[in-house]
Amino acid sequence: MSSTETYKAAFDEPPSSKVSGTAETSSLVSPYFSYGLPYREACAKHVTETFKCSRVYIIASGTLSRETDRLDLLIEALKEKEVEIVGVKKGMRPHTPWTQIIEIASEARAGNADCIVTLGAGSLTDGAKIVVLALANNITDPKDLAGYSIEAKTPKTGVKPPTIPLICIPTSLSGGEYFSLAGGTDDITTKHKQGFLQNGMGVRLIILDPELCLGTPWFHWLSTGVRSIDHCVEALCSLEATPESDQDAEAGLRLLVPWLLITKQDEKSVEARHHCQMGVRLAMKNVRAGIPMGGSHAIGHQLGPMGVGHGVTSCIMCPAVMKWNLEHGRNNPDVQEKQDKVRSILWTEPRAAELFKKVGLSQDKADLGDLLDVIIRTLGLPRTLKEVDIGADQIEKLSKRTLDDFWAPTNPIPLMDAAQVKSILEMVVG
């Protein structure tokens, strides 16, 4: 069956009209999200009816553009609604270079775009969030972006919030579309990736289509799924977690773990892809709510510009950070208690428990890092730095750079010294 026949459409913060006659609505936190219609139909409908736009700039995955007709179908659906396509960017370089952000913003400005649409995931999403910020503030020089980052020594004042709606159609499970924070790399001077989080930034509508994602390579789908598992795990282990955040993170984990394992067995399961997408929504609610992440994310942010995909950074770092936190948090009962809670969640998931028993893990002795390691290895994903060509000679520099990340000090055991980070990285050298 098609996604329209199988699933209903829904929204966070319902707009003035529903997606279809079978739509359900709910009043959760924005952004809006939609599922149940093919991505192209949903996009055309909301561009014209929800946002009343008529001039669209599209940023599309290079792979989807080259190897499939997905972009062509999207353009055709928009044109049928008399929407003008004022520009198309096919592909964005990894880790969102500032020069390319400004290049896209200039093209969108020249075309008088009133809506930005992304088709794909990863750097496209982050880049588009910064593009709409650049459009609102008439930023034309890549170097000027430095003043808008959260690391700016002299932050810009009077920053205008984006006014052009951003619609994202993701094809991975990294979840960046649910959070206003965006990462962009200064490819002119420092080569350092910086965060951007200004008032009004973020995606206005997320369109979920599990059938579209059947074309996403299994490695990318599963590794970004582990990224969302990492969101759930670090939220549950955060010392600033709340009962509400724990509830969302647990629900997300209970969707992601079994359905990712099912996807590994059956790449063509639309049902599995759909449930994984629903898990990402729950995983990202806590990030949006301000529950801080920890060491896995902090280190991962610095591995990214070194050529390691965000999902892969979580595959390598999350189990190690959990083990390190447990070892160094012996005097903090909250650390043990929170990890025990996550262990209990995983052991009570039948598919996960069956897997743990199969490899000989003991419920009494295996720690959280052990459980995560087995899940990630079963998914066929990397577990060491060696597997992603990061050598021991790079650990020193990587350790120091991690300390500048905003989530380093929010690790349950605050990462305040490069020696701490180094000891974590040495666990996964390979």
Protein backbone atom coordinates (compact mmCIF):
# COMPACT_ATOMS: atom_id res chain seq x y z
CA MET A 1 0.00 0.00 0.00
CA SER A 2 1.08 3.59 -0.49
CA SER A 3 1.95 5.83 2.42
CA THR A 4 -1.30 7.72 1.82
CA GLU A 5 -3.32 4.53 2.24
CA THR A 6 -1.30 3.26 5.17
CA TYR A 7 -0.78 6.35 7.29
CA LYS A 8 -2.75 9.37 8.33
CA ALA A 9 -1.49 12.91 8.11
CA ALA A 10 -0.82 14.89 11.25
CA PHE A 11 0.51 18.19 12.48
CA ASP A 12 2.26 19.71 15.41
CA GLU A 13 0.50 23.08 15.82
CA PRO A 14 -2.25 22.62 13.20
CA PRO A 15 -2.39 25.32 10.50
CA SER A 16 -5.56 26.56 8.93
CA SER A 17 -6.19 23.48 6.79
CA LYS A 18 -5.56 19.77 7.14
CA VAL A 19 -3.41 17.71 4.83
CA SER A 20 -6.23 15.48 3.67
CA GLY A 21 -9.72 14.32 4.55
CA THR A 22 -8.27 11.66 6.85
CA ALA A 23 -5.98 14.03 8.69
CA GLU A 24 -5.56 14.14 12.43
CA THR A 25 -4.33 17.23 14.22
CA SER A 26 -2.62 17.86 17.52
CA SER A 27 -1.35 20.93 19.32
CA LEU A 28 2.24 20.08 20.19
CA VAL A 29 5.28 22.29 19.82
CA SER A 30 6.22 23.56 16.35
CA PRO A 31 7.50 22.89 13.73
CA TYR A 32 4.53 21.47 11.90
CA PHE A 33 5.02 17.95 10.65
CA SER A 34 3.10 16.07 8.00
CA TYR A 35 2.90 12.46 6.95
CA GLY A 36 0.41 10.45 4.95
CA LEU A 37 0.68 12.08 1.55
CA PRO A 38 3.49 11.51 -0.96
CA TYR A 39 6.15 14.14 -0.30
CA ARG A 40 5.57 16.01 -3.55
CA GLU A 41 1.80 16.33 -3.02
CA ALA A 42 2.23 17.44 0.58
CA CYS A 43 4.87 20.00 -0.36
CA ALA A 44 2.82 21.53 -3.19
CA LYS A 45 -0.24 21.67 -0.95
CA HIS A 46 1.47 23.45 1.92
CA VAL A 47 3.54 25.82 -0.17
CA THR A 48 0.36 27.20 -1.71
CA GLU A 49 -2.32 26.64 0.93
CA THR A 50 -0.57 26.77 4.31
CA PHE A 51 2.14 29.33 3.57
CA LYS A 52 0.55 31.10 0.58
CA CYS A 53 3.84 31.11 -1.32
CA SER A 54 4.49 31.10 -5.06
CA ARG A 55 8.26 31.42 -5.61
CA VAL A 56 10.30 28.47 -4.34
CA TYR A 57 14.03 27.87 -4.13
CA ILE A 58 14.93 24.17 -3.76
CA ILE A 59 18.06 22.72 -2.15
CA ALA A 60 18.17 19.05 -3.12
CA SER A 61 20.39 16.10 -2.33
CA GLY A 62 23.01 15.66 -5.02
CA THR A 63 22.50 11.91 -5.02
CA LEU A 64 18.71 12.16 -5.32
CA SER A 65 19.12 14.71 -8.10
CA ARG A 66 21.59 12.64 -10.10
CA GLU A 67 20.33 9.11 -9.56
CA THR A 68 16.54 9.42 -9.18
CA ASP A 69 13.58 11.37 -10.48
CA ARG A 70 12.56 12.55 -6.99
CA LEU A 71 13.57 16.17 -7.59
CA ASP A 72 11.86 16.23 -10.99
CA LEU A 73 8.64 14.90 -9.45
CA LEU A 74 8.75 17.58 -6.75
CA ILE A 75 9.27 20.34 -9.31
CA GLU A 76 6.44 18.97 -11.46
CA ALA A 77 4.04 18.89 -8.48
CA LEU A 78 4.88 22.47 -7.54
CA LYS A 79 4.45 23.71 -11.10
CA GLU A 80 1.05 22.05 -11.30
CA LYS A 81 0.07 24.38 -8.44
CA GLU A 82 1.45 27.33 -10.49
CA VAL A 83 4.48 27.73 -8.23
CA GLU A 84 7.54 29.23 -9.89
CA ILE A 85 10.86 27.51 -9.21
CA VAL A 86 13.29 30.42 -8.89
CA GLY A 87 16.37 28.30 -8.30
CA VAL A 88 17.67 24.80 -7.58
CA LYS A 89 20.88 23.84 -5.81
CA LYS A 90 21.81 20.20 -6.37
CA GLY A 91 23.89 19.06 -3.43
CA MET A 92 25.67 20.84 -0.62
CA ARG A 93 29.21 20.16 0.49
CA PRO A 94 29.57 18.31 3.82
CA HIS A 95 29.44 20.27 7.07
CA THR A 96 27.78 23.31 5.53
CA PRO A 97 30.55 25.68 4.38
CA TRP A 98 29.80 29.37 4.85
CA THR A 99 30.75 30.27 1.28
CA GLN A 100 28.11 27.93 -0.12
CA ILE A 101 25.47 29.21 2.31
CA ILE A 102 25.99 32.76 1.08
CA GLU A 103 26.05 31.58 -2.54
CA ILE A 104 22.63 29.95 -2.12
CA ALA A 105 21.25 32.94 -0.22
CA SER A 106 22.38 35.25 -3.03
CA GLU A 107 20.62 33.11 -5.65
CA ALA A 108 17.43 32.93 -3.58
CA ARG A 109 17.51 36.70 -3.02
CA ALA A 110 18.02 37.37 -6.72
CA GLY A 111 15.02 35.17 -7.52
CA ASN A 112 12.88 36.89 -4.87
CA ALA A 113 12.14 33.50 -3.28
CA ASP A 114 9.32 33.46 -0.74
CA CYS A 115 9.87 29.84 0.38
CA ILE A 116 12.89 27.52 0.73
CA VAL A 117 12.42 23.75 0.34
CA THR A 118 15.02 21.07 1.06
CA LEU A 119 14.86 17.55 -0.33
CA GLY A 120 17.34 15.38 1.50
CA ALA A 121 19.08 15.55 4.85
CA GLY A 122 22.26 16.39 6.73
CA SER A 123 24.12 19.47 5.58
CA LEU A 124 21.16 20.54 3.41
CA THR A 125 19.01 21.07 6.49
CA ASP A 126 21.59 22.97 8.49
CA GLY A 127 22.55 25.04 5.48
CA ALA A 128 18.97 26.03 4.72
CA LYS A 129 18.39 27.18 8.31
CA ILE A 130 21.35 29.54 7.99
CA VAL A 131 20.28 30.60 4.49
CA VAL A 132 16.94 31.96 5.74
CA LEU A 133 18.81 33.77 8.53
CA ALA A 134 21.15 35.29 5.93
CA LEU A 135 18.19 36.39 3.81
CA ALA A 136 16.48 38.09 6.73
CA ASN A 137 19.62 40.02 7.64
CA ASN A 138 20.91 40.70 4.13
CA ILE A 139 24.20 38.88 4.78
CA THR A 140 26.23 38.86 1.57
CA ASP A 141 29.78 38.17 2.82
CA PRO A 142 30.56 34.74 4.31
CA LYS A 143 32.87 36.33 6.87
CA ASP A 144 29.93 38.29 8.29
CA LEU A 145 28.32 35.04 9.46
CA ALA A 146 30.85 34.87 12.30
CA GLY A 147 28.96 37.55 14.21
CA TYR A 148 25.76 35.52 14.15
CA SER A 149 27.17 32.28 15.57
CA ILE A 150 26.75 31.28 19.19
CA GLU A 151 30.55 31.42 19.53
CA ALA A 152 30.80 35.05 18.36
CA LYS A 153 33.14 37.11 20.55
CA THR A 154 31.22 40.22 19.51
CA PRO A 155 27.68 39.01 18.78
CA LYS A 156 25.53 40.92 16.34
CA THR A 157 22.74 42.98 17.86
CA GLY A 158 19.33 43.64 16.37
CA VAL A 159 19.29 40.32 14.54
CA LYS A 160 16.13 39.97 12.45
CA PRO A 161 14.30 36.62 12.60
CA PRO A 162 13.79 34.77 9.31
CA THR A 163 10.51 35.52 7.57
CA ILE A 164 10.73 33.11 4.63
CA PRO A 165 9.26 29.70 5.56
CA LEU A 166 11.56 26.71 5.37
CA ILE A 167 10.09 23.31 4.45
CA CYS A 168 12.25 20.20 4.89
CA ILE A 169 11.66 16.78 3.38
CA PRO A 170 14.22 14.59 5.19
CA THR A 171 15.58 11.30 3.93
CA SER A 172 17.60 10.32 7.00
CA LEU A 173 17.05 9.95 10.74
CA SER A 174 19.53 12.52 12.04
CA GLY A 175 16.66 14.79 13.15
CA GLY A 176 18.30 18.15 12.52
CA GLU A 177 15.11 19.42 10.92
CA TYR A 178 13.36 19.39 14.31
CA PHE A 179 15.82 21.74 16.00
CA SER A 180 16.52 25.40 15.29
CA LEU A 181 20.25 25.04 15.96
CA ALA A 182 22.32 24.82 12.78
CA GLY A 183 25.99 24.10 12.24
CA GLY A 184 28.11 25.82 9.61
CA THR A 185 31.83 25.61 8.88
CA ASP A 186 34.03 28.67 8.45
CA ASP A 187 35.80 27.45 5.33
CA ILE A 188 37.61 30.76 4.86
CA THR A 189 39.71 31.22 8.00
CA THR A 190 39.37 28.88 11.00
CA LYS A 191 37.95 25.76 9.26
CA HIS A 192 35.98 25.34 12.51
CA LYS A 193 32.32 24.35 12.59
CA GLN A 194 30.20 26.79 14.60
CA GLY A 195 26.63 26.70 15.85
CA PHE A 196 23.92 29.19 14.89
CA LEU A 197 20.84 29.69 17.04
CA GLN A 198 19.01 32.97 16.55
CA ASN A 199 15.43 33.95 17.33
CA GLY A 200 13.01 32.58 14.76
CA MET A 201 15.49 30.21 13.14
CA GLY A 202 14.29 26.77 12.22
CA VAL A 203 12.07 24.70 9.97
CA ARG A 204 8.40 25.60 9.65
CA LEU A 205 7.18 22.29 8.17
CA ILE A 206 8.66 18.78 8.08
CA ILE A 207 7.24 16.39 5.49
CA LEU A 208 7.73 12.70 6.28
CA ASP A 209 7.42 10.11 3.53
CA PRO A 210 8.77 6.64 4.39
CA GLU A 211 8.48 5.47 0.78
CA LEU A 212 10.76 8.30 -0.33
CA CYS A 213 13.32 7.02 2.18
CA LEU A 214 13.42 3.51 0.72
CA GLY A 215 16.11 4.87 -1.57
CA THR A 216 18.30 6.04 1.30
CA PRO A 217 21.34 3.73 1.50
CA TRP A 218 21.07 1.36 4.46
CA PHE A 219 24.37 2.57 5.99
CA HIS A 220 23.23 6.19 6.05
CA TRP A 221 19.73 5.34 7.28
CA LEU A 222 20.95 3.12 10.11
CA SER A 223 23.83 5.33 11.20
CA THR A 224 21.63 8.42 11.40
CA GLY A 225 19.16 6.26 13.30
CA VAL A 226 21.89 5.64 15.85
CA ARG A 227 22.30 9.41 16.01
CA SER A 228 18.69 9.61 17.18
CA ILE A 229 19.29 6.77 19.63
CA ASP A 230 22.14 8.92 20.94
CA HIS A 231 19.71 11.83 21.38
CA CYS A 232 17.46 9.59 23.48
CA VAL A 233 20.27 8.07 25.53
CA GLU A 234 22.00 11.34 26.36
CA ALA A 235 18.65 12.95 27.20
CA LEU A 236 17.79 10.12 29.58
CA CYS A 237 21.25 10.35 31.16
CA SER A 238 21.24 14.14 31.43
CA LEU A 239 21.34 15.50 34.98
CA GLU A 240 18.88 18.16 33.81
CA ALA A 241 16.30 15.68 32.54
CA THR A 242 12.67 16.03 33.57
CA PRO A 243 9.86 13.46 33.87
CA GLU A 244 8.44 14.78 30.60
CA SER A 245 11.76 14.55 28.77
CA ASP A 246 12.34 11.04 30.10
CA GLN A 247 8.93 9.99 28.81
CA ASP A 248 9.65 11.28 25.30
CA ALA A 249 13.18 9.86 25.20
CA GLU A 250 12.02 6.45 26.38
CA ALA A 251 9.22 6.35 23.80
CA GLY A 252 11.68 7.36 21.08
CA LEU A 253 14.16 4.68 22.14
CA ARG A 254 11.45 2.01 22.17
CA LEU A 255 10.61 2.89 18.57
CA LEU A 256 14.11 3.36 17.20
CA VAL A 257 15.93 0.31 18.52
CA PRO A 258 13.57 -2.47 17.38
CA TRP A 259 12.57 -0.84 14.10
CA LEU A 260 16.17 -0.11 13.13
CA LEU A 261 16.97 -3.76 13.75
CA ILE A 262 14.00 -4.70 11.56
CA THR A 263 15.17 -2.30 8.83
CA LYS A 264 18.56 -4.02 8.87
CA GLN A 265 16.77 -7.29 8.09
CA ASP A 266 14.31 -5.82 5.57
CA GLU A 267 15.45 -2.64 3.86
CA LYS A 268 12.19 -2.38 1.90
CA SER A 269 9.88 -2.28 4.92
CA VAL A 270 7.88 0.95 4.67
CA GLU A 271 6.41 0.24 8.10
CA ALA A 272 9.85 0.08 9.69
CA ARG A 273 10.92 3.34 8.05
CA HIS A 274 7.72 5.02 9.24
CA HIS A 275 8.20 3.95 12.87
CA CYS A 276 11.82 5.09 12.77
CA GLN A 277 10.67 8.51 11.59
CA MET A 278 8.19 8.69 14.46
CA GLY A 279 11.01 7.79 16.85
CA VAL A 280 13.09 10.69 15.60
CA ARG A 281 10.27 13.13 16.38
CA LEU A 282 10.26 11.99 19.99
CA ALA A 283 14.05 11.96 20.24
CA MET A 284 14.29 15.55 19.05
CA LYS A 285 11.55 16.93 21.31
CA ASN A 286 14.02 16.94 24.18
CA VAL A 287 16.70 18.77 22.24
CA ARG A 288 14.10 21.37 21.30
CA ALA A 289 13.00 21.59 24.92
CA GLY A 290 16.55 22.45 25.99
CA ILE A 291 17.60 19.18 27.61
CA PRO A 292 21.39 19.30 27.14
CA MET A 293 23.27 16.52 25.43
CA GLY A 294 26.65 15.28 26.62
CA GLY A 295 30.07 14.05 25.60
CA SER A 296 29.02 11.93 22.64
CA HIS A 297 27.51 14.94 20.91
CA ALA A 298 30.32 17.28 21.97
CA ILE A 299 33.04 15.05 20.55
CA GLY A 300 30.91 14.20 17.53
CA HIS A 301 30.59 17.85 16.57
CA GLN A 302 34.36 18.01 16.17
CA LEU A 303 34.70 14.67 14.39
CA GLY A 304 32.24 15.91 11.79
CA PRO A 305 34.53 18.44 10.07
CA MET A 306 37.20 15.70 10.01
CA GLY A 307 35.04 13.79 7.56
CA VAL A 308 33.00 11.58 9.90
CA GLY A 309 29.23 11.56 9.39
CA HIS A 310 27.14 12.67 12.37
CA GLY A 311 25.47 9.29 12.64
CA VAL A 312 28.80 7.51 12.56
CA THR A 313 30.18 9.74 15.32
CA SER A 314 27.37 8.50 17.57
CA CYS A 315 28.09 4.89 16.62
CA ILE A 316 31.65 5.30 17.81
CA MET A 317 31.31 7.69 20.72
CA CYS A 318 28.01 7.00 22.49
CA PRO A 319 28.93 3.61 24.02
CA ALA A 320 32.37 4.89 25.01
CA VAL A 321 31.01 8.03 26.67
CA MET A 322 28.49 5.95 28.61
CA LYS A 323 31.25 3.67 29.90
CA TRP A 324 33.50 6.61 30.76
CA ASN A 325 30.70 8.44 32.59
CA LEU A 326 29.90 5.32 34.60
CA GLU A 327 33.53 4.83 35.58
CA HIS A 328 34.10 8.47 36.52
CA GLY A 329 30.71 9.02 38.12
CA ARG A 330 30.98 6.41 40.86
CA ASN A 331 30.53 9.10 43.49
CA ASN A 332 27.40 10.43 41.81
CA PRO A 333 24.45 8.06 42.30
CA ASP A 334 22.42 9.94 39.67
CA VAL A 335 24.82 8.80 36.93
CA GLN A 336 24.40 5.14 37.86
CA GLU A 337 20.65 5.47 38.34
CA LYS A 338 20.07 7.11 34.97
CA GLN A 339 22.16 4.58 33.09
CA ASP A 340 20.34 1.77 34.90
CA LYS A 341 17.06 3.21 33.68
CA VAL A 342 18.23 3.11 30.06
CA ARG A 343 19.52 -0.44 30.56
CA SER A 344 16.10 -1.45 31.87
CA ILE A 345 14.36 0.09 28.86
CA LEU A 346 16.58 -1.85 26.46
CA TRP A 347 16.25 -5.16 28.32
CA THR A 348 12.46 -4.88 28.30
CA GLU A 349 12.36 -4.45 24.53
CA PRO A 350 11.89 -8.07 23.33
CA ARG A 351 13.88 -7.76 20.10
CA ALA A 352 16.80 -6.09 21.89
CA ALA A 353 16.72 -8.52 24.83
CA GLU A 354 16.79 -11.48 22.43
CA LEU A 355 19.84 -9.97 20.77
CA PHE A 356 21.65 -9.39 24.07
CA LYS A 357 21.04 -12.96 25.20
CA LYS A 358 22.15 -14.33 21.85
CA VAL A 359 25.60 -12.76 22.24
CA GLY A 360 25.89 -13.86 25.86
CA LEU A 361 25.31 -10.61 27.75
CA SER A 362 24.16 -10.84 31.35
CA GLN A 363 21.41 -8.51 32.56
CA ASP A 364 23.25 -8.15 35.88
CA LYS A 365 26.73 -7.49 34.53
CA ALA A 366 26.42 -5.79 31.13
CA ASP A 367 26.54 -2.01 31.39
CA LEU A 368 24.80 0.47 29.08
CA GLY A 369 27.88 0.83 26.90
CA ASP A 370 27.91 -2.94 26.35
CA LEU A 371 24.26 -2.97 25.25
CA LEU A 372 24.73 -0.07 22.84
CA ASP A 373 27.84 -1.70 21.43
CA VAL A 374 25.93 -4.88 20.57
CA ILE A 375 23.08 -2.94 18.91
CA ILE A 376 25.45 -0.87 16.79
CA ARG A 377 27.59 -3.87 15.78
CA THR A 378 24.46 -5.82 14.84
CA LEU A 379 23.46 -2.92 12.58
CA GLY A 380 26.83 -3.34 10.87
CA LEU A 381 28.15 0.12 11.75
CA PRO A 382 31.63 1.36 12.75
CA ARG A 383 32.77 1.25 16.36
CA THR A 384 36.32 2.65 16.21
CA LEU A 385 38.13 5.74 15.00
CA LYS A 386 40.42 3.55 12.92
CA GLU A 387 37.44 2.46 10.82
CA VAL A 388 36.83 6.09 9.79
CA ASP A 389 40.51 6.91 9.21
CA ILE A 390 41.04 8.99 12.34
CA GLY A 391 44.51 8.16 13.68
CA ALA A 392 45.88 8.28 17.20
CA ASP A 393 48.00 11.27 16.15
CA GLN A 394 44.83 13.36 15.82
CA ILE A 395 43.48 12.71 19.31
CA GLU A 396 45.36 15.51 21.03
CA LYS A 397 43.99 18.21 18.73
CA LEU A 398 40.52 16.70 18.75
CA SER A 399 40.48 16.62 22.55
CA LYS A 400 41.28 20.31 22.83
CA ARG A 401 38.73 21.35 20.22
CA THR A 402 35.98 19.41 21.99
CA LEU A 403 36.29 21.67 25.05
CA ASP A 404 34.93 24.56 22.97
CA ASP A 405 31.69 22.69 22.26
CA PHE A 406 28.65 23.96 24.14
CA TRP A 407 27.69 20.43 25.24
CA ALA A 408 31.10 19.48 26.69
CA PRO A 409 30.35 21.00 30.12
CA THR A 410 26.82 19.54 30.18
CA ASN A 411 28.07 15.96 30.09
CA PRO A 412 27.01 14.24 33.37
CA ILE A 413 30.70 14.36 34.24
CA PRO A 414 31.58 17.82 32.84
CA LEU A 415 34.34 17.71 30.24
CA MET A 416 36.52 20.60 31.32
CA ASP A 417 39.99 19.23 30.58
CA ALA A 418 41.41 17.88 27.33
CA ALA A 419 42.81 14.90 29.25
CA GLN A 420 39.24 13.77 29.98
CA VAL A 421 38.30 13.81 26.31
CA LYS A 422 41.55 12.11 25.38
CA SER A 423 40.83 9.24 27.75
CA ILE A 424 37.42 8.72 26.09
CA LEU A 425 38.89 8.80 22.58
CA GLU A 426 41.61 6.34 23.53
CA MET A 427 38.85 3.83 24.31
CA VAL A 428 37.85 3.73 20.64
CA VAL A 429 41.13 4.15 18.75
CA GLY A 430 40.85 0.65 17.29
